[in-house]
Amino acid sequence: MAYPASRVTARDEETPSLDPAEIERAYRRERARRRARVAHREYARNSNARFWVVLAVLSLMTVLIALVAFHQIQQTFGI
């Protein structure tokens, strides 16, 4: 009886490598992924604060422009 030809399979991602350089690269990759997650979380948290700061600045500018316009209308028409 003939046996089927054995196929060369690529190493699975789940099987650990014994190569020290490969282990170091895996550590670096995981650290980079962790740093990216933390940076993204921090960026999202800061975006909320940036939104409220920009909204406050725009509101303040709108109020100031309205006051200046009202003052000019009072001076022009003597109200």
PDB file of N, CA and C in Angstrom:
ATOM      1  N   MET A   1       0.847  -1.170   0.000  1.00  0.00           N
ATOM      2  CA  MET A   1       0.000   0.000   0.000  1.00  0.00           C
ATOM      3  C   MET A   1       0.891   1.232   0.000  1.00  0.00           C
ATOM      4  N   ALA A   2       0.535   2.174  -0.817  1.00  0.00           N
ATOM      5  CA  ALA A   2       1.338   3.390  -0.958  1.00  0.00           C
ATOM      6  C   ALA A   2       0.838   4.435   0.031  1.00  0.00           C
ATOM      7  N   TYR A   3       1.791   5.099   0.633  1.00  0.00           N
ATOM      8  CA  TYR A   3       1.445   6.179   1.557  1.00  0.00           C
ATOM      9  C   TYR A   3       1.404   7.500   0.793  1.00  0.00           C
ATOM     10  N   PRO A   4       0.505   8.402   1.174  1.00  0.00           N
ATOM     11  CA  PRO A   4       0.463   9.695   0.485  1.00  0.00           C
ATOM     12  C   PRO A   4       1.740  10.475   0.765  1.00  0.00           C
ATOM     13  N   ALA A   5       2.110  11.265  -0.192  1.00  0.00           N
ATOM     14  CA  ALA A   5       3.325  12.080  -0.048  1.00  0.00           C
ATOM     15  C   ALA A   5       3.115  13.079   1.075  1.00  0.00           C
ATOM     16  N   SER A   6       4.121  13.204   1.910  1.00  0.00           N
ATOM     17  CA  SER A   6       3.993  14.163   3.011  1.00  0.00           C
ATOM     18  C   SER A   6       4.210  15.573   2.466  1.00  0.00           C
ATOM     19  N   ARG A   7       3.365  16.446   2.931  1.00  0.00           N
ATOM     20  CA  ARG A   7       3.467  17.836   2.476  1.00  0.00           C
ATOM     21  C   ARG A   7       4.241  18.641   3.505  1.00  0.00           C
ATOM     22  N   VAL A   8       5.007  19.583   3.015  1.00  0.00           N
ATOM     23  CA  VAL A   8       5.733  20.480   3.909  1.00  0.00           C
ATOM     24  C   VAL A   8       4.759  21.579   4.305  1.00  0.00           C
ATOM     25  N   THR A   9       4.495  21.703   5.591  1.00  0.00           N
ATOM     26  CA  THR A   9       3.548  22.709   6.057  1.00  0.00           C
ATOM     27  C   THR A   9       4.301  23.867   6.682  1.00  0.00           C
ATOM     28  N   ALA A  10       3.751  25.019   6.518  1.00  0.00           N
ATOM     29  CA  ALA A  10       4.348  26.209   7.123  1.00  0.00           C
ATOM     30  C   ALA A  10       4.097  26.159   8.621  1.00  0.00           C
ATOM     31  N   ARG A  11       5.013  26.728   9.369  1.00  0.00           N
ATOM     32  CA  ARG A  11       4.885  26.754  10.820  1.00  0.00           C
ATOM     33  C   ARG A  11       3.674  27.601  11.206  1.00  0.00           C
ATOM     34  N   ASP A  12       2.846  27.059  12.071  1.00  0.00           N
ATOM     35  CA  ASP A  12       1.670  27.797  12.536  1.00  0.00           C
ATOM     36  C   ASP A  12       2.099  28.990  13.376  1.00  0.00           C
ATOM     37  N   GLU A  13       1.235  29.992  13.437  1.00  0.00           N
ATOM     38  CA  GLU A  13       1.508  31.159  14.278  1.00  0.00           C
ATOM     39  C   GLU A  13       1.454  30.782  15.760  1.00  0.00           C
ATOM     40  N   GLU A  14       0.718  29.733  16.077  1.00  0.00           N
ATOM     41  CA  GLU A  14       0.538  29.360  17.474  1.00  0.00           C
ATOM     42  C   GLU A  14       1.729  28.592  18.035  1.00  0.00           C
ATOM     43  N   THR A  15       2.470  27.929  17.178  1.00  0.00           N
ATOM     44  CA  THR A  15       3.604  27.158  17.679  1.00  0.00           C
ATOM     45  C   THR A  15       4.773  28.090  17.937  1.00  0.00           C
ATOM     46  N   PRO A  16       5.352  28.051  19.112  1.00  0.00           N
ATOM     47  CA  PRO A  16       6.429  28.989  19.429  1.00  0.00           C
ATOM     48  C   PRO A  16       7.718  28.623  18.700  1.00  0.00           C
ATOM     49  N   SER A  17       8.450  29.651  18.369  1.00  0.00           N
ATOM     50  CA  SER A  17       9.736  29.460  17.717  1.00  0.00           C
ATOM     51  C   SER A  17      10.816  29.405  18.791  1.00  0.00           C
ATOM     52  N   LEU A  18      11.839  28.658  18.535  1.00  0.00           N
ATOM     53  CA  LEU A  18      12.937  28.568  19.489  1.00  0.00           C
ATOM     54  C   LEU A  18      14.082  29.500  19.112  1.00  0.00           C
ATOM     55  N   ASP A  19      13.921  30.211  18.027  1.00  0.00           N
ATOM     56  CA  ASP A  19      14.942  31.154  17.580  1.00  0.00           C
ATOM     57  C   ASP A  19      14.901  32.396  18.475  1.00  0.00           C
ATOM     58  N   PRO A  20      15.996  32.752  19.148  1.00  0.00           N
ATOM     59  CA  PRO A  20      15.992  33.919  20.045  1.00  0.00           C
ATOM     60  C   PRO A  20      15.655  35.224  19.321  1.00  0.00           C
ATOM     61  N   ALA A  21      16.107  35.353  18.083  1.00  0.00           N
ATOM     62  CA  ALA A  21      15.800  36.581  17.331  1.00  0.00           C
ATOM     63  C   ALA A  21      14.304  36.662  17.051  1.00  0.00           C
ATOM     64  N   GLU A  22      13.694  35.545  16.736  1.00  0.00           N
ATOM     65  CA  GLU A  22      12.251  35.521  16.483  1.00  0.00           C
ATOM     66  C   GLU A  22      11.471  35.863  17.751  1.00  0.00           C
ATOM     67  N   ILE A  23      11.928  35.359  18.877  1.00  0.00           N
ATOM     68  CA  ILE A  23      11.276  35.655  20.161  1.00  0.00           C
ATOM     69  C   ILE A  23      11.374  37.147  20.456  1.00  0.00           C
ATOM     70  N   GLU A  24      12.539  37.724  20.225  1.00  0.00           N
ATOM     71  CA  GLU A  24      12.724  39.163  20.471  1.00  0.00           C
ATOM     72  C   GLU A  24      11.826  39.990  19.542  1.00  0.00           C
ATOM     73  N   ARG A  25      11.723  39.573  18.275  1.00  0.00           N
ATOM     74  CA  ARG A  25      10.842  40.288  17.341  1.00  0.00           C
ATOM     75  C   ARG A  25       9.392  40.190  17.796  1.00  0.00           C
ATOM     76  N   ALA A  26       8.986  39.044  18.305  1.00  0.00           N
ATOM     77  CA  ALA A  26       7.609  38.882  18.790  1.00  0.00           C
ATOM     78  C   ALA A  26       7.355  39.784  19.984  1.00  0.00           C
ATOM     79  N   TYR A  27       8.328  39.871  20.903  1.00  0.00           N
ATOM     80  CA  TYR A  27       8.194  40.786  22.049  1.00  0.00           C
ATOM     81  C   TYR A  27       8.058  42.228  21.584  1.00  0.00           C
ATOM     82  N   ARG A  28       8.909  42.625  20.643  1.00  0.00           N
ATOM     83  CA  ARG A  28       8.852  44.005  20.133  1.00  0.00           C
ATOM     84  C   ARG A  28       7.516  44.287  19.458  1.00  0.00           C
ATOM     85  N   ARG A  29       7.026  43.307  18.674  1.00  0.00           N
ATOM     86  CA  ARG A  29       5.754  43.491  17.990  1.00  0.00           C
ATOM     87  C   ARG A  29       4.622  43.660  19.002  1.00  0.00           C
ATOM     88  N   GLU A  30       4.617  42.852  20.048  1.00  0.00           N
ATOM     89  CA  GLU A  30       3.563  42.959  21.062  1.00  0.00           C
ATOM     90  C   GLU A  30       3.670  44.270  21.834  1.00  0.00           C
ATOM     91  N   ARG A  31       4.888  44.697  22.135  1.00  0.00           N
ATOM     92  CA  ARG A  31       5.050  45.992  22.821  1.00  0.00           C
ATOM     93  C   ARG A  31       4.542  47.130  21.942  1.00  0.00           C
ATOM     94  N   ALA A  32       4.854  47.060  20.641  1.00  0.00           N
ATOM     95  CA  ALA A  32       4.388  48.101  19.721  1.00  0.00           C
ATOM     96  C   ALA A  32       2.864  48.108  19.639  1.00  0.00           C
ATOM     97  N   ARG A  33       2.261  46.933  19.611  1.00  0.00           N
ATOM     98  CA  ARG A  33       0.793  46.866  19.583  1.00  0.00           C
ATOM     99  C   ARG A  33       0.203  47.459  20.859  1.00  0.00           C
ATOM    100  N   ARG A  34       0.812  47.157  22.003  1.00  0.00           N
ATOM    101  CA  ARG A  34       0.326  47.697  23.279  1.00  0.00           C
ATOM    102  C   ARG A  34       0.453  49.216  23.297  1.00  0.00           C
ATOM    103  N   ARG A  35       1.623  49.724  22.849  1.00  0.00           N
ATOM    104  CA  ARG A  35       1.806  51.185  22.800  1.00  0.00           C
ATOM    105  C   ARG A  35       0.787  51.832  21.877  1.00  0.00           C
ATOM    106  N   ALA A  36       0.490  51.196  20.746  1.00  0.00           N
ATOM    107  CA  ALA A  36      -0.497  51.740  19.813  1.00  0.00           C
ATOM    108  C   ALA A  36      -1.884  51.777  20.439  1.00  0.00           C
ATOM    109  N   ARG A  37      -2.240  50.711  21.177  1.00  0.00           N
ATOM    110  CA  ARG A  37      -3.551  50.707  21.854  1.00  0.00           C
ATOM    111  C   ARG A  37      -3.646  51.816  22.882  1.00  0.00           C
ATOM    112  N   VAL A  38      -2.586  51.995  23.670  1.00  0.00           N
ATOM    113  CA  VAL A  38      -2.584  53.041  24.702  1.00  0.00           C
ATOM    114  C   VAL A  38      -2.645  54.415  24.051  1.00  0.00           C
ATOM    115  N   ALA A  39      -1.882  54.608  22.982  1.00  0.00           N
ATOM    116  CA  ALA A  39      -1.889  55.903  22.290  1.00  0.00           C
ATOM    117  C   ALA A  39      -3.265  56.193  21.707  1.00  0.00           C
ATOM    118  N   HIS A  40      -3.905  55.189  21.148  1.00  0.00           N
ATOM    119  CA  HIS A  40      -5.233  55.397  20.579  1.00  0.00           C
ATOM    120  C   HIS A  40      -6.244  55.748  21.665  1.00  0.00           C
ATOM    121  N   ARG A  41      -6.169  55.053  22.798  1.00  0.00           N
ATOM    122  CA  ARG A  41      -7.072  55.343  23.915  1.00  0.00           C
ATOM    123  C   ARG A  41      -6.868  56.775  24.411  1.00  0.00           C
ATOM    124  N   GLU A  42      -5.603  57.189  24.525  1.00  0.00           N
ATOM    125  CA  GLU A  42      -5.291  58.541  24.986  1.00  0.00           C
ATOM    126  C   GLU A  42      -5.773  59.580  23.981  1.00  0.00           C
ATOM    127  N   TYR A  43      -5.586  59.300  22.687  1.00  0.00           N
ATOM    128  CA  TYR A  43      -6.044  60.217  21.643  1.00  0.00           C
ATOM    129  C   TYR A  43      -7.562  60.374  21.699  1.00  0.00           C
ATOM    130  N   ALA A  44      -8.277  59.279  21.882  1.00  0.00           N
ATOM    131  CA  ALA A  44      -9.744  59.334  21.956  1.00  0.00           C
ATOM    132  C   ALA A  44     -10.198  60.121  23.177  1.00  0.00           C
ATOM    133  N   ARG A  45      -9.530  59.921  24.309  1.00  0.00           N
ATOM    134  CA  ARG A  45      -9.896  60.646  25.529  1.00  0.00           C
ATOM    135  C   ARG A  45      -9.617  62.141  25.357  1.00  0.00           C
ATOM    136  N   ASN A  46      -8.500  62.482  24.741  1.00  0.00           N
ATOM    137  CA  ASN A  46      -8.162  63.888  24.539  1.00  0.00           C
ATOM    138  C   ASN A  46      -9.046  64.545  23.491  1.00  0.00           C
ATOM    139  N   SER A  47      -9.568  63.772  22.556  1.00  0.00           N
ATOM    140  CA  SER A  47     -10.417  64.363  21.529  1.00  0.00           C
ATOM    141  C   SER A  47     -11.686  64.929  22.155  1.00  0.00           C
ATOM    142  N   ASN A  48     -12.202  64.315  23.192  1.00  0.00           N
ATOM    143  CA  ASN A  48     -13.381  64.820  23.881  1.00  0.00           C
ATOM    144  C   ASN A  48     -13.084  66.188  24.501  1.00  0.00           C
ATOM    145  N   ALA A  49     -11.934  66.316  25.137  1.00  0.00           N
ATOM    146  CA  ALA A  49     -11.550  67.591  25.739  1.00  0.00           C
ATOM    147  C   ALA A  49     -11.327  68.652  24.653  1.00  0.00           C
ATOM    148  N   ARG A  50     -10.685  68.254  23.560  1.00  0.00           N
ATOM    149  CA  ARG A  50     -10.464  69.215  22.468  1.00  0.00           C
ATOM    150  C   ARG A  50     -11.782  69.719  21.906  1.00  0.00           C
ATOM    151  N   PHE A  51     -12.762  68.843  21.773  1.00  0.00           N
ATOM    152  CA  PHE A  51     -14.069  69.247  21.262  1.00  0.00           C
ATOM    153  C   PHE A  51     -14.678  70.331  22.145  1.00  0.00           C
ATOM    154  N   TRP A  52     -14.674  70.116  23.465  1.00  0.00           N
ATOM    155  CA  TRP A  52     -15.288  71.093  24.366  1.00  0.00           C
ATOM    156  C   TRP A  52     -14.511  72.398  24.395  1.00  0.00           C
ATOM    157  N   VAL A  53     -13.198  72.347  24.279  1.00  0.00           N
ATOM    158  CA  VAL A  53     -12.403  73.583  24.252  1.00  0.00           C
ATOM    159  C   VAL A  53     -12.714  74.382  22.994  1.00  0.00           C
ATOM    160  N   VAL A  54     -12.760  73.711  21.854  1.00  0.00           N
ATOM    161  CA  VAL A  54     -13.066  74.405  20.597  1.00  0.00           C
ATOM    162  C   VAL A  54     -14.488  74.969  20.642  1.00  0.00           C
ATOM    163  N   LEU A  55     -15.422  74.216  21.181  1.00  0.00           N
ATOM    164  CA  LEU A  55     -16.801  74.706  21.290  1.00  0.00           C
ATOM    165  C   LEU A  55     -16.868  75.943  22.181  1.00  0.00           C
ATOM    166  N   ALA A  56     -16.142  75.936  23.292  1.00  0.00           N
ATOM    167  CA  ALA A  56     -16.132  77.097  24.191  1.00  0.00           C
ATOM    168  C   ALA A  56     -15.507  78.308  23.516  1.00  0.00           C
ATOM    169  N   VAL A  57     -14.410  78.105  22.803  1.00  0.00           N
ATOM    170  CA  VAL A  57     -13.754  79.229  22.106  1.00  0.00           C
ATOM    171  C   VAL A  57     -14.675  79.807  21.044  1.00  0.00           C
ATOM    172  N   LEU A  58     -15.320  78.948  20.275  1.00  0.00           N
ATOM    173  CA  LEU A  58     -16.243  79.445  19.242  1.00  0.00           C
ATOM    174  C   LEU A  58     -17.434  80.175  19.856  1.00  0.00           C
ATOM    175  N   SER A  59     -17.945  79.673  20.964  1.00  0.00           N
ATOM    176  CA  SER A  59     -19.058  80.355  21.638  1.00  0.00           C
ATOM    177  C   SER A  59     -18.624  81.722  22.150  1.00  0.00           C
ATOM    178  N   LEU A  60     -17.443  81.779  22.746  1.00  0.00           N
ATOM    179  CA  LEU A  60     -16.923  83.059  23.240  1.00  0.00           C
ATOM    180  C   LEU A  60     -16.736  84.054  22.094  1.00  0.00           C
ATOM    181  N   MET A  61     -16.200  83.577  20.973  1.00  0.00           N
ATOM    182  CA  MET A  61     -16.019  84.474  19.823  1.00  0.00           C
ATOM    183  C   MET A  61     -17.364  84.962  19.290  1.00  0.00           C
ATOM    184  N   THR A  62     -18.369  84.093  19.277  1.00  0.00           N
ATOM    185  CA  THR A  62     -19.697  84.486  18.806  1.00  0.00           C
ATOM    186  C   THR A  62     -20.294  85.557  19.713  1.00  0.00           C
ATOM    187  N   VAL A  63     -20.155  85.382  21.018  1.00  0.00           N
ATOM    188  CA  VAL A  63     -20.674  86.367  21.970  1.00  0.00           C
ATOM    189  C   VAL A  63     -19.947  87.694  21.802  1.00  0.00           C
ATOM    190  N   LEU A  64     -18.628  87.657  21.662  1.00  0.00           N
ATOM    191  CA  LEU A  64     -17.866  88.901  21.491  1.00  0.00           C
ATOM    192  C   LEU A  64     -18.247  89.623  20.209  1.00  0.00           C
ATOM    193  N   ILE A  65     -18.407  88.895  19.122  1.00  0.00           N
ATOM    194  CA  ILE A  65     -18.802  89.523  17.854  1.00  0.00           C
ATOM    195  C   ILE A  65     -20.206  90.110  17.973  1.00  0.00           C
ATOM    196  N   ALA A  66     -21.110  89.414  18.661  1.00  0.00           N
ATOM    197  CA  ALA A  66     -22.470  89.932  18.849  1.00  0.00           C
ATOM    198  C   ALA A  66     -22.450  91.210  19.694  1.00  0.00           C
ATOM    199  N   LEU A  67     -21.616  91.244  20.747  1.00  0.00           N
ATOM    200  CA  LEU A  67     -21.527  92.455  21.572  1.00  0.00           C
ATOM    201  C   LEU A  67     -20.946  93.629  20.798  1.00  0.00           C
ATOM    202  N   VAL A  68     -19.926  93.381  20.005  1.00  0.00           N
ATOM    203  CA  VAL A  68     -19.332  94.455  19.196  1.00  0.00           C
ATOM    204  C   VAL A  68     -20.344  94.956  18.177  1.00  0.00           C
ATOM    205  N   ALA A  69     -21.057  94.051  17.532  1.00  0.00           N
ATOM    206  CA  ALA A  69     -22.065  94.457  16.549  1.00  0.00           C
ATOM    207  C   ALA A  69     -23.183  95.258  17.224  1.00  0.00           C
ATOM    208  N   PHE A  70     -23.631  94.822  18.396  1.00  0.00           N
ATOM    209  CA  PHE A  70     -24.676  95.544  19.122  1.00  0.00           C
ATOM    210  C   PHE A  70     -24.200  96.951  19.512  1.00  0.00           C
ATOM    211  N   HIS A  71     -22.934  97.038  19.956  1.00  0.00           N
ATOM    212  CA  HIS A  71     -22.367  98.334  20.326  1.00  0.00           C
ATOM    213  C   HIS A  71     -22.311  99.260  19.109  1.00  0.00           C
ATOM    214  N   GLN A  72     -21.903  98.734  17.975  1.00  0.00           N
ATOM    215  CA  GLN A  72     -21.843  99.540  16.761  1.00  0.00           C
ATOM    216  C   GLN A  72     -23.237 100.003  16.314  1.00  0.00           C
ATOM    217  N   ILE A  73     -24.218  99.138  16.447  1.00  0.00           N
ATOM    218  CA  ILE A  73     -25.597  99.523  16.085  1.00  0.00           C
ATOM    219  C   ILE A  73     -26.095 100.619  17.012  1.00  0.00           C
ATOM    220  N   GLN A  74     -25.776 100.533  18.310  1.00  0.00           N
ATOM    221  CA  GLN A  74     -26.178 101.581  19.245  1.00  0.00           C
ATOM    222  C   GLN A  74     -25.524 102.907  18.899  1.00  0.00           C
ATOM    223  N   GLN A  75     -24.260 102.877  18.550  1.00  0.00           N
ATOM    224  CA  GLN A  75     -23.562 104.127  18.203  1.00  0.00           C
ATOM    225  C   GLN A  75     -24.106 104.720  16.909  1.00  0.00           C
ATOM    226  N   THR A  76     -24.394 103.872  15.944  1.00  0.00           N
ATOM    227  CA  THR A  76     -24.832 104.362  14.634  1.00  0.00           C
ATOM    228  C   THR A  76     -26.243 104.956  14.720  1.00  0.00           C
ATOM    229  N   PHE A  77     -27.147 104.285  15.366  1.00  0.00           N
ATOM    230  CA  PHE A  77     -28.530 104.722  15.377  1.00  0.00           C
ATOM    231  C   PHE A  77     -28.916 105.475  16.648  1.00  0.00           C
ATOM    232  N   GLY A  78     -28.031 105.596  17.615  1.00  0.00           N
ATOM    233  CA  GLY A  78     -28.303 106.353  18.827  1.00  0.00           C
ATOM    234  C   GLY A  78     -29.389 105.747  19.692  1.00  0.00           C
ATOM    235  N   ILE A  79     -29.431 104.451  19.769  1.00  0.00           N
ATOM    236  CA  ILE A  79     -30.470 103.787  20.560  1.00  0.00           C
ATOM    237  C   ILE A  79     -30.060 103.779  22.008  1.00  0.00           C
TER     238      ILE A  79
END
